[in-house]
Structures are given as structure tokens and as C-alpha cells.
């Protein structure tokens, strides 16, 4: 019997097995890992195609979790954080478990309720070299760490910087109840100014209070 050439054709969409959920190019999906003890993989669909035998395949761009990157998970990585990698692959559409949403970092921080299928991405990751884009981000607090949306932070009314309660010697409960907060630097400056106003017994000396915060 002569072999017939199997031709591939692009599909507009694919309905996930056992559901009525439809996925298309550009959608983010959860994909079943080979190891049952591993969390679902997350990928962005680039293309949906079928061969001559009606086997449906998806070309995907993988998201990596911090644990899968060079250097691993760090303190500032959120529990729902992903990195968009340069790793592309072709997988059977049958391995798609469900849809998910990968938000921008800015939009994720605005969510009132984070659902199980909500994730966020603020870095692109080059799997071959372990390089990140961007390679620098803003840091906050005295610990000079990037923002982790899982951690509560409080804003100083003086300098407008953000701080971890633990770095300020506060408990989470104290931070939540606090209506007004000033970091130790601003509080020290404020106290010095109050002292000058309350006790003007002698002219100010040569030593002046520097109210400028240290630049990072």
C-alpha cells in the first residue's frame, strides 16, 4: 500500500477534552506534566494544528517557574510568579488540562481576589543562558529587595517609600492597624524638627539634620 503524505492544517481553536472550554492561539494554558508530583506546566499557545490523522498538536512557548530557572526561587519571587522563556515546543493538545491567565505584574497587583488560575509575569527568561530581561528592577525597604506581591508593605508618609513591617520592627497586625506610618529615617528627622520648635533655647549649631534619604 502506498504511503500517503500527511498534510498539516492550522486550526482556529481546540476544545479541551472533557470540558466546554475553547483555547486559541494567544491563550495561556495549564499542561499535564509527566510526573504526577509536579505542578501543571504553564504555556502560551502559539499555534493549533492537526495532521492528516486528525491528531491535534499545539505549538507553545513555555513559562518557567522560579524553581526551574538558574538560581532558583528567591525571596522576592511571588508564589504565582512565572517567567516567559524562549523555550518553544510542540505538544499533544490532549495534555492541556485547562486555561489560565498570566497577568502583567502591574495588573496582577490590582487584583482584588487572586484565583487559582491567576499568575503573573514580570521577567523574560533565556533558558540557554539563565539571563533575565529586564536585568534590573526597583527595590524597596531597608532590605533593598524587589516587591513581592505576597508580602504586606506599608508606605511611609514622609518619603513615600515602601517598607516590610518586619524590617521596621512591626508585626503584620500592627501594620494593618496603623493609620499613619513613618520610617525610622523620617521619624528621626521629624523628631529633630519637633525638638527645634519646642525648645528654641539656643541658636542651632553647626551640626544640621540631613533630611535626604540615602539614594539606592
N, C-alpha and C. Protein backbone atom coordinates (compact mmCIF):
# COMPACT_ATOMS: atom_id res chain seq x y z
N UNK A 1 0.85 -1.19 0.00
CA UNK A 1 0.00 0.00 0.00
C UNK A 1 0.89 1.25 0.00
N UNK A 2 0.56 2.11 -0.87
CA UNK A 2 1.36 3.34 -0.99
C UNK A 2 1.11 4.24 0.21
N UNK A 3 2.17 4.84 0.65
CA UNK A 3 2.04 5.77 1.76
C UNK A 3 1.48 7.11 1.27
N UNK A 4 0.59 7.64 2.06
CA UNK A 4 0.03 8.94 1.70
C UNK A 4 0.71 10.02 2.53
N UNK A 5 0.96 11.11 1.92
CA UNK A 5 1.62 12.21 2.60
C UNK A 5 0.62 12.89 3.55
N UNK A 6 0.99 12.96 4.79
CA UNK A 6 0.09 13.58 5.77
C UNK A 6 0.30 15.07 5.76
N UNK A 7 -0.75 15.82 5.51
CA UNK A 7 -0.67 17.28 5.47
C UNK A 7 -1.17 17.90 6.75
N UNK A 8 -0.48 18.91 7.22
CA UNK A 8 -0.90 19.61 8.43
C UNK A 8 -1.78 20.79 8.05
N UNK A 9 -2.71 21.07 8.92
CA UNK A 9 -3.56 22.24 8.71
C UNK A 9 -3.74 22.98 10.03
N UNK A 10 -3.77 24.28 9.93
CA UNK A 10 -3.96 25.10 11.12
C UNK A 10 -5.43 25.09 11.53
N UNK A 11 -5.64 25.08 12.84
CA UNK A 11 -6.99 25.14 13.39
C UNK A 11 -7.19 26.46 14.11
N UNK A 12 -8.41 26.94 14.06
CA UNK A 12 -8.72 28.19 14.75
C UNK A 12 -8.77 27.99 16.26
N UNK A 13 -9.17 26.79 16.69
CA UNK A 13 -9.34 26.57 18.12
C UNK A 13 -9.31 25.08 18.43
N UNK A 14 -9.33 24.80 19.73
CA UNK A 14 -9.37 23.42 20.21
C UNK A 14 -10.18 23.41 21.50
N UNK A 15 -11.10 22.45 21.63
CA UNK A 15 -11.90 22.31 22.84
C UNK A 15 -11.23 21.30 23.76
N UNK A 16 -10.91 21.73 24.96
CA UNK A 16 -10.21 20.88 25.92
C UNK A 16 -11.06 19.66 26.24
N UNK A 17 -10.42 18.50 26.21
CA UNK A 17 -11.13 17.25 26.45
C UNK A 17 -11.88 17.26 27.78
N UNK A 18 -13.14 16.81 27.74
CA UNK A 18 -13.94 16.71 28.95
C UNK A 18 -14.50 18.02 29.44
N UNK A 19 -14.30 19.09 28.68
CA UNK A 19 -14.80 20.41 29.07
C UNK A 19 -15.44 21.08 27.86
N UNK A 20 -16.00 22.25 28.12
CA UNK A 20 -16.51 23.08 27.02
C UNK A 20 -15.63 24.31 26.81
N UNK A 21 -14.42 24.25 27.38
CA UNK A 21 -13.50 25.39 27.28
C UNK A 21 -12.74 25.32 25.96
N UNK A 22 -12.70 26.45 25.28
CA UNK A 22 -12.06 26.53 23.97
C UNK A 22 -10.78 27.36 24.09
N UNK A 23 -9.71 26.85 23.50
CA UNK A 23 -8.44 27.58 23.51
C UNK A 23 -8.03 27.92 22.09
N UNK A 24 -7.37 29.06 21.98
CA UNK A 24 -6.91 29.56 20.69
C UNK A 24 -5.48 30.07 20.82
N UNK A 25 -4.89 30.39 19.71
CA UNK A 25 -3.55 30.97 19.72
C UNK A 25 -3.58 32.25 20.55
N UNK A 26 -2.61 32.40 21.44
CA UNK A 26 -2.54 33.55 22.32
C UNK A 26 -3.05 33.25 23.72
N UNK A 27 -3.80 32.15 23.89
CA UNK A 27 -4.30 31.78 25.22
C UNK A 27 -3.20 31.13 26.05
N UNK A 28 -3.31 31.28 27.35
CA UNK A 28 -2.40 30.60 28.27
C UNK A 28 -3.11 29.39 28.85
N UNK A 29 -2.38 28.29 28.97
CA UNK A 29 -3.00 27.03 29.38
C UNK A 29 -2.14 26.31 30.42
N UNK A 30 -2.80 25.43 31.16
CA UNK A 30 -2.13 24.51 32.07
C UNK A 30 -1.97 23.19 31.36
N UNK A 31 -0.75 22.62 31.40
CA UNK A 31 -0.49 21.38 30.68
C UNK A 31 -0.02 20.31 31.65
N UNK A 32 -0.49 19.11 31.42
CA UNK A 32 -0.24 17.99 32.33
C UNK A 32 1.22 17.56 32.27
N UNK A 33 1.90 17.53 33.42
CA UNK A 33 3.31 17.08 33.45
C UNK A 33 3.38 15.55 33.44
N UNK A 34 4.54 15.04 33.11
CA UNK A 34 4.71 13.58 33.08
C UNK A 34 4.80 13.01 34.49
N UNK A 35 5.28 13.84 35.43
CA UNK A 35 5.39 13.41 36.83
C UNK A 35 4.17 13.91 37.59
N UNK A 36 3.45 12.99 38.23
CA UNK A 36 2.24 13.37 38.95
C UNK A 36 2.51 14.31 40.12
N UNK A 37 3.71 14.28 40.65
CA UNK A 37 4.02 15.13 41.79
C UNK A 37 4.45 16.54 41.41
N UNK A 38 4.48 16.83 40.12
CA UNK A 38 4.91 18.13 39.63
C UNK A 38 3.70 19.01 39.32
N UNK A 39 3.76 20.31 39.68
CA UNK A 39 2.65 21.20 39.34
C UNK A 39 2.45 21.28 37.82
N UNK A 40 1.26 21.62 37.42
CA UNK A 40 0.97 21.74 35.99
C UNK A 40 1.93 22.74 35.34
N UNK A 41 2.34 22.43 34.13
CA UNK A 41 3.16 23.37 33.37
C UNK A 41 2.25 24.49 32.85
N UNK A 42 2.84 25.65 32.63
CA UNK A 42 2.09 26.78 32.08
C UNK A 42 2.73 27.18 30.76
N UNK A 43 1.90 27.38 29.76
CA UNK A 43 2.41 27.72 28.43
C UNK A 43 1.46 28.67 27.72
N UNK A 44 1.99 29.36 26.73
CA UNK A 44 1.17 30.21 25.87
C UNK A 44 1.10 29.57 24.49
N UNK A 45 -0.10 29.39 24.00
CA UNK A 45 -0.29 28.72 22.71
C UNK A 45 0.08 29.66 21.57
N UNK A 46 0.94 29.17 20.70
CA UNK A 46 1.34 29.92 19.52
C UNK A 46 0.54 29.49 18.28
N UNK A 47 0.22 28.20 18.24
CA UNK A 47 -0.48 27.68 17.06
C UNK A 47 -1.19 26.37 17.42
N UNK A 48 -2.33 26.14 16.80
CA UNK A 48 -3.05 24.88 16.94
C UNK A 48 -3.12 24.26 15.55
N UNK A 49 -2.72 23.00 15.44
CA UNK A 49 -2.70 22.36 14.13
C UNK A 49 -3.08 20.90 14.23
N UNK A 50 -3.55 20.34 13.12
CA UNK A 50 -3.93 18.93 13.05
C UNK A 50 -3.24 18.30 11.86
N UNK A 51 -2.87 17.01 12.01
CA UNK A 51 -2.26 16.31 10.90
C UNK A 51 -3.33 15.55 10.12
N UNK A 52 -2.91 14.74 9.14
CA UNK A 52 -3.85 14.03 8.30
C UNK A 52 -4.66 12.99 9.04
N UNK A 53 -4.22 12.61 10.23
CA UNK A 53 -4.95 11.63 11.04
C UNK A 53 -5.79 12.30 12.12
N UNK A 54 -5.92 13.60 12.01
CA UNK A 54 -6.72 14.40 12.95
C UNK A 54 -6.12 14.44 14.35
N UNK A 55 -4.83 14.17 14.46
CA UNK A 55 -4.15 14.36 15.74
C UNK A 55 -3.87 15.85 15.91
N UNK A 56 -4.33 16.40 17.01
CA UNK A 56 -4.19 17.84 17.23
C UNK A 56 -2.95 18.11 18.08
N UNK A 57 -2.13 19.02 17.58
CA UNK A 57 -0.92 19.43 18.29
C UNK A 57 -0.97 20.93 18.55
N UNK A 58 -0.26 21.35 19.57
CA UNK A 58 -0.16 22.78 19.85
C UNK A 58 1.32 23.16 19.94
N UNK A 59 1.65 24.25 19.27
CA UNK A 59 2.99 24.82 19.43
C UNK A 59 2.88 25.83 20.56
N UNK A 60 3.76 25.68 21.57
CA UNK A 60 3.65 26.51 22.77
C UNK A 60 4.97 27.19 23.10
N UNK A 61 4.86 28.27 23.83
CA UNK A 61 6.00 28.95 24.43
C UNK A 61 5.87 28.77 25.93
N UNK A 62 6.88 28.16 26.54
CA UNK A 62 6.78 27.79 27.95
C UNK A 62 7.03 28.96 28.89
N UNK A 63 6.27 28.96 29.98
CA UNK A 63 6.59 29.79 31.15
C UNK A 63 7.35 28.91 32.14
N UNK A 64 8.38 29.48 32.75
CA UNK A 64 9.13 28.75 33.77
C UNK A 64 8.74 29.27 35.15
N UNK A 65 8.70 28.38 36.10
CA UNK A 65 8.58 28.79 37.50
C UNK A 65 9.97 29.14 38.03
N UNK A 66 10.05 29.96 39.09
CA UNK A 66 11.37 30.32 39.63
C UNK A 66 12.23 29.10 39.94
N UNK A 67 11.61 28.03 40.44
CA UNK A 67 12.37 26.82 40.78
C UNK A 67 13.05 26.19 39.57
N UNK A 68 12.53 26.47 38.39
CA UNK A 68 13.07 25.86 37.17
C UNK A 68 14.15 26.71 36.51
N UNK A 69 14.43 27.86 37.08
CA UNK A 69 15.42 28.76 36.49
C UNK A 69 16.77 28.63 37.18
N UNK A 70 17.80 29.14 36.53
CA UNK A 70 19.12 29.18 37.14
C UNK A 70 19.05 30.12 38.35
N UNK A 71 19.51 29.66 39.47
CA UNK A 71 19.43 30.47 40.69
C UNK A 71 18.24 30.12 41.55
N UNK A 72 17.20 29.51 40.95
CA UNK A 72 16.06 29.05 41.72
C UNK A 72 15.19 30.17 42.27
N UNK A 73 14.31 29.79 43.19
CA UNK A 73 13.39 30.75 43.80
C UNK A 73 14.13 31.65 44.79
N UNK A 74 13.83 32.95 44.72
CA UNK A 74 14.42 33.92 45.63
C UNK A 74 13.33 34.57 46.48
N UNK A 75 13.75 35.29 47.49
CA UNK A 75 12.83 35.83 48.48
C UNK A 75 11.74 36.70 47.87
N UNK A 76 12.08 37.45 46.83
CA UNK A 76 11.11 38.38 46.27
C UNK A 76 10.19 37.76 45.22
N UNK A 77 10.39 36.50 44.88
CA UNK A 77 9.53 35.86 43.90
C UNK A 77 8.18 35.53 44.52
N UNK A 78 7.10 35.94 43.86
CA UNK A 78 5.77 35.63 44.34
C UNK A 78 5.41 34.17 44.11
N UNK A 79 4.45 33.68 44.87
CA UNK A 79 4.05 32.28 44.74
C UNK A 79 3.41 31.99 43.38
N UNK A 80 2.87 33.02 42.72
CA UNK A 80 2.22 32.85 41.41
C UNK A 80 3.06 33.45 40.28
N UNK A 81 4.34 33.63 40.54
CA UNK A 81 5.21 34.27 39.55
C UNK A 81 5.73 33.27 38.53
N UNK A 82 5.75 33.70 37.27
CA UNK A 82 6.27 32.90 36.16
C UNK A 82 7.20 33.76 35.32
N UNK A 83 8.10 33.10 34.59
CA UNK A 83 9.00 33.78 33.66
C UNK A 83 8.67 33.31 32.24
N UNK A 84 8.47 34.25 31.33
CA UNK A 84 8.23 33.87 29.93
C UNK A 84 9.57 33.52 29.30
N UNK A 85 9.73 32.25 28.91
CA UNK A 85 11.02 31.78 28.40
C UNK A 85 11.09 31.85 26.88
N UNK A 86 12.29 31.58 26.37
CA UNK A 86 12.48 31.49 24.92
C UNK A 86 12.44 30.03 24.47
N UNK A 87 11.83 29.18 25.29
CA UNK A 87 11.74 27.74 25.03
C UNK A 87 10.40 27.44 24.36
N UNK A 88 10.46 27.00 23.10
CA UNK A 88 9.27 26.63 22.34
C UNK A 88 9.22 25.12 22.19
N UNK A 89 8.01 24.59 22.01
CA UNK A 89 7.85 23.15 21.94
C UNK A 89 6.54 22.83 21.22
N UNK A 90 6.41 21.58 20.81
CA UNK A 90 5.16 21.08 20.22
C UNK A 90 4.66 19.95 21.09
N UNK A 91 3.43 20.06 21.54
CA UNK A 91 2.84 19.08 22.45
C UNK A 91 1.49 18.62 21.93
N UNK A 92 1.09 17.42 22.37
CA UNK A 92 -0.25 16.95 22.05
C UNK A 92 -1.27 17.81 22.77
N UNK A 93 -2.34 18.18 22.07
CA UNK A 93 -3.38 19.01 22.68
C UNK A 93 -4.08 18.27 23.81
N UNK A 94 -3.97 16.94 23.83
CA UNK A 94 -4.62 16.15 24.88
C UNK A 94 -3.99 16.41 26.25
N UNK A 95 -2.81 16.99 26.28
CA UNK A 95 -2.16 17.25 27.57
C UNK A 95 -2.61 18.57 28.20
N UNK A 96 -3.45 19.31 27.49
CA UNK A 96 -3.97 20.56 28.05
C UNK A 96 -5.01 20.23 29.11
N UNK A 97 -4.79 20.74 30.32
CA UNK A 97 -5.69 20.49 31.44
C UNK A 97 -6.74 21.59 31.61
N UNK A 98 -6.38 22.81 31.28
CA UNK A 98 -7.31 23.91 31.47
C UNK A 98 -6.69 25.22 31.04
N UNK A 99 -7.49 26.27 31.14
CA UNK A 99 -7.00 27.61 30.79
C UNK A 99 -6.55 28.34 32.05
N UNK A 100 -5.69 29.31 31.87
CA UNK A 100 -5.27 30.16 32.98
C UNK A 100 -5.00 31.55 32.43
N UNK A 101 -4.75 32.48 33.33
CA UNK A 101 -4.45 33.86 32.93
C UNK A 101 -3.11 34.26 33.51
N UNK A 102 -2.21 34.72 32.66
CA UNK A 102 -0.93 35.25 33.10
C UNK A 102 -0.97 36.76 32.94
N UNK A 103 -1.09 37.45 34.06
CA UNK A 103 -1.23 38.90 34.05
C UNK A 103 0.13 39.58 33.97
N UNK A 104 0.11 40.83 33.57
CA UNK A 104 1.31 41.65 33.77
C UNK A 104 1.45 41.88 35.27
N UNK A 105 2.64 42.22 35.70
CA UNK A 105 2.87 42.43 37.13
C UNK A 105 1.97 43.56 37.66
N UNK A 106 1.85 44.62 36.88
CA UNK A 106 1.03 45.77 37.30
C UNK A 106 -0.42 45.37 37.47
N UNK A 107 -0.96 44.64 36.50
CA UNK A 107 -2.37 44.25 36.58
C UNK A 107 -2.61 43.23 37.70
N UNK A 108 -1.63 42.37 37.93
CA UNK A 108 -1.79 41.36 39.00
C UNK A 108 -1.90 42.04 40.36
N UNK A 109 -1.10 43.07 40.59
CA UNK A 109 -1.12 43.74 41.89
C UNK A 109 -2.43 44.50 42.12
N UNK A 110 -3.23 44.69 41.06
CA UNK A 110 -4.50 45.38 41.19
C UNK A 110 -5.67 44.43 41.42
N UNK A 111 -5.42 43.12 41.35
CA UNK A 111 -6.50 42.16 41.54
C UNK A 111 -7.01 42.20 42.97
N UNK A 112 -8.32 42.25 43.13
CA UNK A 112 -8.90 42.21 44.46
C UNK A 112 -8.90 40.79 45.01
N UNK A 113 -9.13 39.84 44.13
CA UNK A 113 -9.11 38.42 44.52
C UNK A 113 -8.27 37.65 43.52
N UNK A 114 -7.28 36.92 44.00
CA UNK A 114 -6.42 36.11 43.13
C UNK A 114 -6.99 34.70 43.08
N UNK A 115 -7.38 34.27 41.89
CA UNK A 115 -7.95 32.94 41.70
C UNK A 115 -6.83 31.92 41.48
N UNK A 116 -7.14 30.63 41.65
CA UNK A 116 -6.11 29.60 41.46
C UNK A 116 -5.47 29.62 40.07
N UNK A 117 -6.21 30.08 39.06
CA UNK A 117 -5.65 30.08 37.71
C UNK A 117 -5.10 31.45 37.30
N UNK A 118 -4.85 32.32 38.29
CA UNK A 118 -4.21 33.61 38.04
C UNK A 118 -2.71 33.52 38.32
N UNK A 119 -1.91 34.00 37.38
CA UNK A 119 -0.46 34.07 37.53
C UNK A 119 0.01 35.44 37.06
N UNK A 120 1.29 35.73 37.27
CA UNK A 120 1.81 36.98 36.74
C UNK A 120 3.23 36.77 36.24
N UNK A 121 3.64 37.67 35.35
CA UNK A 121 4.98 37.60 34.76
C UNK A 121 5.55 39.01 34.67
N UNK A 122 6.76 39.20 35.17
CA UNK A 122 7.45 40.49 35.04
C UNK A 122 8.83 40.35 34.42
N UNK A 123 9.28 39.10 34.19
CA UNK A 123 10.59 38.86 33.58
C UNK A 123 10.47 37.93 32.39
N UNK A 124 11.29 38.17 31.39
CA UNK A 124 11.52 37.19 30.33
C UNK A 124 12.80 36.45 30.69
N UNK A 125 12.84 35.18 30.32
CA UNK A 125 13.95 34.32 30.75
C UNK A 125 14.54 33.58 29.57
N UNK A 126 15.87 33.68 29.42
CA UNK A 126 16.56 32.96 28.35
C UNK A 126 17.08 31.65 28.93
N UNK A 127 16.44 30.56 28.55
CA UNK A 127 16.73 29.26 29.17
C UNK A 127 18.16 28.80 28.93
N UNK A 128 18.73 29.14 27.79
CA UNK A 128 20.08 28.65 27.46
C UNK A 128 21.17 29.32 28.27
N UNK A 129 20.94 30.55 28.72
CA UNK A 129 21.97 31.29 29.44
C UNK A 129 21.58 31.63 30.88
N UNK A 130 20.30 31.54 31.20
CA UNK A 130 19.84 31.92 32.53
C UNK A 130 19.70 33.42 32.72
N UNK A 131 19.72 34.18 31.61
CA UNK A 131 19.64 35.64 31.69
C UNK A 131 18.18 36.09 31.77
N UNK A 132 17.96 37.19 32.51
CA UNK A 132 16.63 37.75 32.67
C UNK A 132 16.54 39.11 31.98
N UNK A 133 15.35 39.43 31.48
CA UNK A 133 15.04 40.75 30.94
C UNK A 133 13.74 41.23 31.57
N UNK A 134 13.74 42.40 32.23
CA UNK A 134 14.89 43.27 32.49
C UNK A 134 15.83 42.66 33.51
N UNK A 135 17.07 43.11 33.51
CA UNK A 135 18.04 42.56 34.45
C UNK A 135 18.13 43.39 35.72
N UNK A 136 17.35 44.49 35.78
CA UNK A 136 17.31 45.32 36.98
C UNK A 136 15.87 45.76 37.24
N UNK A 137 15.49 45.78 38.50
CA UNK A 137 14.16 46.24 38.89
C UNK A 137 14.28 47.13 40.12
N UNK A 138 13.23 47.91 40.37
CA UNK A 138 13.22 48.80 41.54
C UNK A 138 13.25 47.98 42.82
N UNK A 139 13.94 48.51 43.81
CA UNK A 139 14.00 47.86 45.12
C UNK A 139 13.38 48.78 46.16
N UNK A 140 12.92 48.18 47.26
CA UNK A 140 12.22 48.92 48.29
C UNK A 140 12.73 48.51 49.67
N UNK A 141 12.33 49.29 50.66
CA UNK A 141 12.59 48.97 52.05
C UNK A 141 14.10 49.06 52.36
N UNK A 142 14.44 48.94 53.63
CA UNK A 142 15.84 48.95 54.03
C UNK A 142 16.58 47.71 53.56
N UNK A 143 15.83 46.63 53.33
CA UNK A 143 16.46 45.39 52.86
C UNK A 143 16.78 45.46 51.37
N UNK A 144 16.28 46.51 50.69
CA UNK A 144 16.56 46.72 49.27
C UNK A 144 16.24 45.49 48.42
N UNK A 145 15.00 45.02 48.55
CA UNK A 145 14.53 43.88 47.78
C UNK A 145 13.43 44.32 46.81
N UNK A 146 13.33 43.67 45.65
CA UNK A 146 12.20 43.95 44.76
C UNK A 146 10.88 43.58 45.43
N UNK A 147 9.81 44.11 44.92
CA UNK A 147 8.49 43.92 45.51
C UNK A 147 7.98 42.50 45.29
N UNK A 148 7.55 41.86 46.37
CA UNK A 148 6.88 40.57 46.31
C UNK A 148 5.41 40.82 46.64
N UNK A 149 4.49 40.63 45.70
CA UNK A 149 3.08 40.95 45.96
C UNK A 149 2.45 40.10 47.05
N UNK A 150 3.11 39.02 47.46
CA UNK A 150 2.58 38.19 48.55
C UNK A 150 2.83 38.81 49.91
N UNK A 151 3.76 39.75 49.99
CA UNK A 151 4.16 40.32 51.27
C UNK A 151 3.52 41.69 51.49
N UNK A 152 2.99 41.89 52.68
CA UNK A 152 2.43 43.19 53.04
C UNK A 152 3.54 44.22 53.17
N UNK A 153 3.31 45.41 52.63
CA UNK A 153 4.24 46.51 52.80
C UNK A 153 3.45 47.75 53.21
N UNK A 154 4.11 48.64 53.94
CA UNK A 154 3.48 49.88 54.37
C UNK A 154 4.25 51.05 53.78
N UNK A 155 3.51 52.12 53.45
CA UNK A 155 4.14 53.27 52.82
C UNK A 155 4.39 54.37 53.83
N UNK A 156 5.59 54.90 53.78
CA UNK A 156 5.97 56.00 54.68
C UNK A 156 5.34 57.30 54.20
N UNK A 157 4.73 58.04 55.13
CA UNK A 157 4.11 59.32 54.79
C UNK A 157 5.15 60.40 54.52
N UNK A 158 6.39 60.16 54.94
CA UNK A 158 7.43 61.16 54.74
C UNK A 158 8.12 61.05 53.39
N UNK A 159 8.70 59.90 53.11
CA UNK A 159 9.48 59.71 51.89
C UNK A 159 8.72 58.98 50.79
N UNK A 160 7.55 58.42 51.13
CA UNK A 160 6.70 57.68 50.19
C UNK A 160 7.30 56.35 49.76
N UNK A 161 8.37 55.92 50.39
CA UNK A 161 8.93 54.60 50.09
C UNK A 161 8.09 53.54 50.81
N UNK A 162 8.28 52.29 50.38
CA UNK A 162 7.52 51.17 50.94
C UNK A 162 8.44 50.30 51.78
N UNK A 163 7.89 49.76 52.88
CA UNK A 163 8.70 49.01 53.83
C UNK A 163 7.96 47.74 54.29
N UNK A 164 8.76 46.69 54.57
CA UNK A 164 8.22 45.49 55.20
C UNK A 164 8.05 45.76 56.69
N UNK A 165 6.92 45.44 57.25
CA UNK A 165 6.74 45.65 58.70
C UNK A 165 7.85 45.03 59.53
N UNK A 166 8.29 43.82 59.17
CA UNK A 166 9.33 43.15 59.96
C UNK A 166 10.64 43.93 59.95
N UNK A 167 10.93 44.62 58.83
CA UNK A 167 12.15 45.43 58.76
C UNK A 167 12.04 46.69 59.60
N UNK A 168 10.81 47.07 59.96
CA UNK A 168 10.57 48.25 60.78
C UNK A 168 10.26 47.88 62.23
N UNK A 169 10.43 46.60 62.57
CA UNK A 169 10.17 46.16 63.93
C UNK A 169 8.70 46.11 64.27
N UNK A 170 7.85 45.94 63.24
CA UNK A 170 6.40 45.88 63.45
C UNK A 170 5.89 44.48 63.12
N UNK A 171 4.80 44.10 63.74
CA UNK A 171 4.12 42.87 63.37
C UNK A 171 3.15 43.17 62.23
N UNK A 172 2.68 42.13 61.56
CA UNK A 172 1.70 42.30 60.49
C UNK A 172 0.43 42.95 61.05
N UNK A 173 0.01 42.51 62.24
CA UNK A 173 -1.20 43.05 62.86
C UNK A 173 -1.04 44.53 63.16
N UNK A 174 0.12 44.92 63.66
CA UNK A 174 0.37 46.34 63.96
C UNK A 174 0.35 47.17 62.67
N UNK A 175 0.92 46.62 61.61
CA UNK A 175 0.97 47.34 60.34
C UNK A 175 -0.44 47.54 59.77
N UNK A 176 -1.28 46.52 59.89
CA UNK A 176 -2.64 46.63 59.36
C UNK A 176 -3.47 47.65 60.13
N UNK A 177 -3.20 47.79 61.42
CA UNK A 177 -3.96 48.71 62.25
C UNK A 177 -3.42 50.14 62.18
N UNK A 178 -2.21 50.29 61.68
CA UNK A 178 -1.58 51.60 61.66
C UNK A 178 -2.21 52.51 60.60
N UNK A 179 -2.69 53.68 61.01
CA UNK A 179 -3.27 54.65 60.08
C UNK A 179 -2.22 55.61 59.56
N UNK A 180 -1.18 55.81 60.32
CA UNK A 180 -0.09 56.70 59.91
C UNK A 180 1.24 56.01 60.18
N UNK A 181 2.13 56.09 59.20
CA UNK A 181 3.42 55.41 59.36
C UNK A 181 4.53 56.28 58.79
N UNK A 182 5.61 56.37 59.56
CA UNK A 182 6.84 56.99 59.08
C UNK A 182 8.00 56.06 59.37
N UNK A 183 8.86 55.90 58.38
CA UNK A 183 10.03 55.04 58.56
C UNK A 183 10.96 55.65 59.61
N UNK A 184 11.93 54.89 60.04
CA UNK A 184 12.82 55.34 61.10
C UNK A 184 13.60 56.59 60.70
N UNK A 185 14.00 56.69 59.42
CA UNK A 185 14.74 57.87 58.98
C UNK A 185 13.87 59.12 59.05
N UNK A 186 12.65 59.02 58.52
CA UNK A 186 11.76 60.18 58.50
C UNK A 186 11.28 60.52 59.91
N UNK A 187 11.07 59.50 60.73
CA UNK A 187 10.65 59.74 62.10
C UNK A 187 11.75 60.48 62.87
N UNK A 188 13.00 60.12 62.61
CA UNK A 188 14.12 60.78 63.28
C UNK A 188 14.22 62.24 62.87
N UNK A 189 14.02 62.49 61.57
CA UNK A 189 14.05 63.86 61.08
C UNK A 189 12.90 64.66 61.67
N UNK A 190 11.73 64.04 61.70
CA UNK A 190 10.54 64.71 62.23
C UNK A 190 10.71 65.04 63.72
N UNK A 191 11.28 64.10 64.46
CA UNK A 191 11.50 64.33 65.89
C UNK A 191 12.51 65.45 66.12
N UNK A 192 13.53 65.52 65.27
CA UNK A 192 14.53 66.56 65.40
C UNK A 192 13.92 67.94 65.14
N UNK A 193 13.02 68.00 64.13
CA UNK A 193 12.36 69.26 63.82
C UNK A 193 11.45 69.68 64.96
N UNK A 194 10.73 68.69 65.52
CA UNK A 194 9.86 68.99 66.64
C UNK A 194 10.67 69.52 67.82
N UNK A 195 11.86 68.94 68.01
CA UNK A 195 12.72 69.37 69.10
C UNK A 195 13.17 70.80 68.91
N UNK A 196 13.49 71.17 67.68
CA UNK A 196 13.92 72.53 67.40
C UNK A 196 12.80 73.53 67.69
N UNK A 197 11.58 73.14 67.37
CA UNK A 197 10.44 74.04 67.56
C UNK A 197 10.07 74.14 69.03
N UNK A 198 10.15 73.04 69.75
CA UNK A 198 9.70 73.01 71.14
C UNK A 198 10.70 73.66 72.10
N UNK A 199 11.97 73.60 71.79
CA UNK A 199 12.98 74.09 72.74
C UNK A 199 13.97 75.02 72.04
N UNK A 200 13.50 76.21 71.62
CA UNK A 200 14.40 77.16 70.95
C UNK A 200 15.20 77.97 71.96
N UNK A 201 15.99 77.28 72.78
CA UNK A 201 16.73 77.96 73.84
C UNK A 201 18.07 78.48 73.36
N UNK A 202 18.56 77.94 72.29
CA UNK A 202 19.85 78.41 71.79
C UNK A 202 19.84 78.29 70.28
N UNK A 203 20.65 79.07 69.61
CA UNK A 203 20.69 79.00 68.14
C UNK A 203 21.20 77.64 67.69
N UNK A 204 20.78 77.19 66.51
CA UNK A 204 21.23 75.89 66.01
C UNK A 204 22.73 75.86 65.84
N UNK A 205 23.30 74.69 66.11
CA UNK A 205 24.75 74.54 65.98
C UNK A 205 25.14 74.24 64.56
N UNK A 206 26.41 73.88 64.40
CA UNK A 206 26.90 73.57 63.06
C UNK A 206 26.33 72.27 62.53
N UNK A 207 26.03 71.34 63.45
CA UNK A 207 25.52 70.04 63.00
C UNK A 207 24.07 70.13 62.59
N UNK A 208 23.78 69.99 61.32
CA UNK A 208 22.43 70.08 60.79
C UNK A 208 21.88 68.68 60.50
N UNK A 209 20.58 68.56 60.65
CA UNK A 209 19.94 67.27 60.35
C UNK A 209 19.75 67.15 58.86
N UNK A 210 20.23 66.07 58.30
CA UNK A 210 20.09 65.82 56.87
C UNK A 210 18.81 65.03 56.64
N UNK A 211 17.84 65.65 56.00
CA UNK A 211 16.54 65.01 55.80
C UNK A 211 16.47 64.20 54.51
N UNK A 212 17.54 64.21 53.74
CA UNK A 212 17.54 63.47 52.48
C UNK A 212 17.80 62.00 52.75
N UNK A 213 16.99 61.15 52.13
CA UNK A 213 17.19 59.71 52.29
C UNK A 213 18.32 59.25 51.39
N UNK A 214 18.95 58.20 51.82
CA UNK A 214 20.06 57.65 51.04
C UNK A 214 19.56 57.13 49.71
N UNK A 215 20.22 57.53 48.65
CA UNK A 215 19.83 57.05 47.33
C UNK A 215 20.31 55.62 47.13
N UNK A 216 19.48 54.88 46.42
CA UNK A 216 19.84 53.48 46.15
C UNK A 216 20.44 53.36 44.76
